[in-house]
Amino acid sequence: MKNTFITISSAGPNRDPSKGTREQPFWDEHAAFIDELVGKGFIMMGGPLLDEAGLPRGALLIVNAENENEVREKLKNDPWFQRAILKLESVTRWEIFIDERR
């Protein structure tokens, strides 16, 4: 049975703070990787987390997986994690009580 998980990532040491999300190194490879996981139904929602100035400080993903191990295994091949543009901080199972979309 699939569960819902939330992943939180922070800006990694190789993220360029002077550039926007789509201007970061390896953006095209990262976007293609994420798009593939969306197409497979693994990623449901996601995007950058912004600070008060509107600058990215990390990212959040909502994913479907059997367990935390599966989440970590699938995300470890993201070019941004591999190249320290992002750093995976946490993977937490989320029990949804309210979902206006349903």
Protein backbone atom coordinates (compact mmCIF):
# COMPACT_ATOMS: atom_id res chain seq x y z
CA MET A 1 0.00 0.00 0.00
CA LYS A 2 1.28 3.45 -0.90
CA ASN A 3 1.67 6.13 1.74
CA THR A 4 2.08 9.87 1.40
CA PHE A 5 5.39 11.43 2.42
CA ILE A 6 6.65 14.99 2.63
CA THR A 7 10.29 15.67 1.85
CA ILE A 8 12.04 18.85 2.90
CA SER A 9 15.30 19.90 1.29
CA SER A 10 17.57 22.83 2.03
CA ALA A 11 19.90 24.73 -0.23
CA GLY A 12 23.08 22.73 -0.64
CA PRO A 13 26.61 24.15 -0.57
CA ASN A 14 26.77 24.24 -4.38
CA ARG A 15 23.58 26.26 -4.81
CA ASP A 16 24.30 29.72 -6.20
CA PRO A 17 22.35 32.17 -4.00
CA SER A 18 22.67 34.90 -6.64
CA LYS A 19 20.61 32.86 -9.13
CA GLY A 20 16.98 31.81 -9.27
CA THR A 21 15.78 28.22 -9.20
CA ARG A 22 15.72 27.72 -12.97
CA GLU A 23 19.15 29.36 -13.33
CA GLN A 24 20.92 26.89 -11.02
CA PRO A 25 23.51 24.51 -12.48
CA PHE A 26 22.05 21.27 -13.84
CA TRP A 27 18.49 22.71 -13.90
CA ASP A 28 17.58 20.86 -17.11
CA GLU A 29 18.78 17.51 -15.75
CA HIS A 30 17.00 18.09 -12.42
CA ALA A 31 13.75 19.11 -14.15
CA ALA A 32 13.84 16.04 -16.43
CA PHE A 33 14.42 13.76 -13.43
CA ILE A 34 11.52 15.31 -11.49
CA ASP A 35 9.23 15.21 -14.54
CA GLU A 36 9.92 11.49 -14.92
CA LEU A 37 8.94 10.83 -11.28
CA VAL A 38 5.78 12.92 -11.73
CA GLY A 39 4.91 10.88 -14.82
CA LYS A 40 5.30 7.65 -12.84
CA GLY A 41 2.93 8.92 -10.12
CA PHE A 42 5.64 9.10 -7.47
CA ILE A 43 5.66 12.90 -7.05
CA MET A 44 2.25 14.49 -6.48
CA MET A 45 3.27 18.09 -5.76
CA GLY A 46 6.43 20.05 -5.21
CA GLY A 47 8.29 23.30 -5.49
CA PRO A 48 10.73 25.70 -3.89
CA LEU A 49 10.35 26.99 -0.34
CA LEU A 50 10.82 30.76 -0.30
CA ASP A 51 12.20 33.07 2.35
CA GLU A 52 10.60 36.41 3.27
CA ALA A 53 12.32 38.11 0.33
CA GLY A 54 10.89 35.53 -2.07
CA LEU A 55 14.23 33.81 -2.61
CA PRO A 56 14.44 29.99 -2.66
CA ARG A 57 15.82 28.41 0.51
CA GLY A 58 15.01 24.78 -0.24
CA ALA A 59 12.22 22.62 -1.60
CA LEU A 60 9.21 20.54 -0.59
CA LEU A 61 7.93 17.43 -2.35
CA ILE A 62 4.80 15.42 -1.63
CA VAL A 63 5.28 11.85 -2.83
CA ASN A 64 3.60 8.44 -2.89
CA ALA A 65 5.74 5.53 -1.68
CA GLU A 66 5.64 2.30 0.27
CA ASN A 67 8.07 3.56 2.91
CA GLU A 68 10.77 6.11 3.70
CA ASN A 69 13.46 3.88 2.21
CA GLU A 70 11.74 3.94 -1.18
CA VAL A 71 11.56 7.74 -1.06
CA ARG A 72 15.26 8.08 -0.29
CA GLU A 73 16.22 5.49 -2.94
CA LYS A 74 14.26 7.25 -5.69
CA LEU A 75 15.47 10.74 -4.83
CA LYS A 76 19.16 9.89 -4.42
CA ASN A 77 19.60 9.98 -8.21
CA ASP A 78 18.33 13.55 -8.54
CA PRO A 79 21.17 15.52 -10.18
CA TRP A 80 20.69 18.31 -7.64
CA PHE A 81 21.15 15.97 -4.67
CA GLN A 82 24.12 14.30 -6.35
CA ARG A 83 25.80 17.67 -6.98
CA ALA A 84 24.84 19.30 -3.65
CA ILE A 85 22.57 21.96 -5.15
CA LEU A 86 19.95 20.64 -2.69
CA LYS A 87 20.38 18.64 0.50
CA LEU A 88 17.65 16.26 1.63
CA GLU A 89 16.84 17.21 5.23
CA SER A 90 13.84 15.05 6.10
CA VAL A 91 11.35 12.47 4.88
CA THR A 92 8.16 12.27 6.93
CA ARG A 93 5.07 10.11 6.48
CA TRP A 94 1.97 12.30 6.25
CA GLU A 95 -1.50 11.11 7.15
CA ILE A 96 -3.86 13.40 5.25
CA PHE A 97 -7.09 14.28 7.06
CA ILE A 98 -8.18 17.22 4.90
CA ASP A 99 -7.93 17.40 1.12
CA GLU A 100 -10.21 19.87 -0.59
CA ARG A 101 -9.31 18.40 -4.00
CA ARG A 102 -11.21 15.17 -3.26
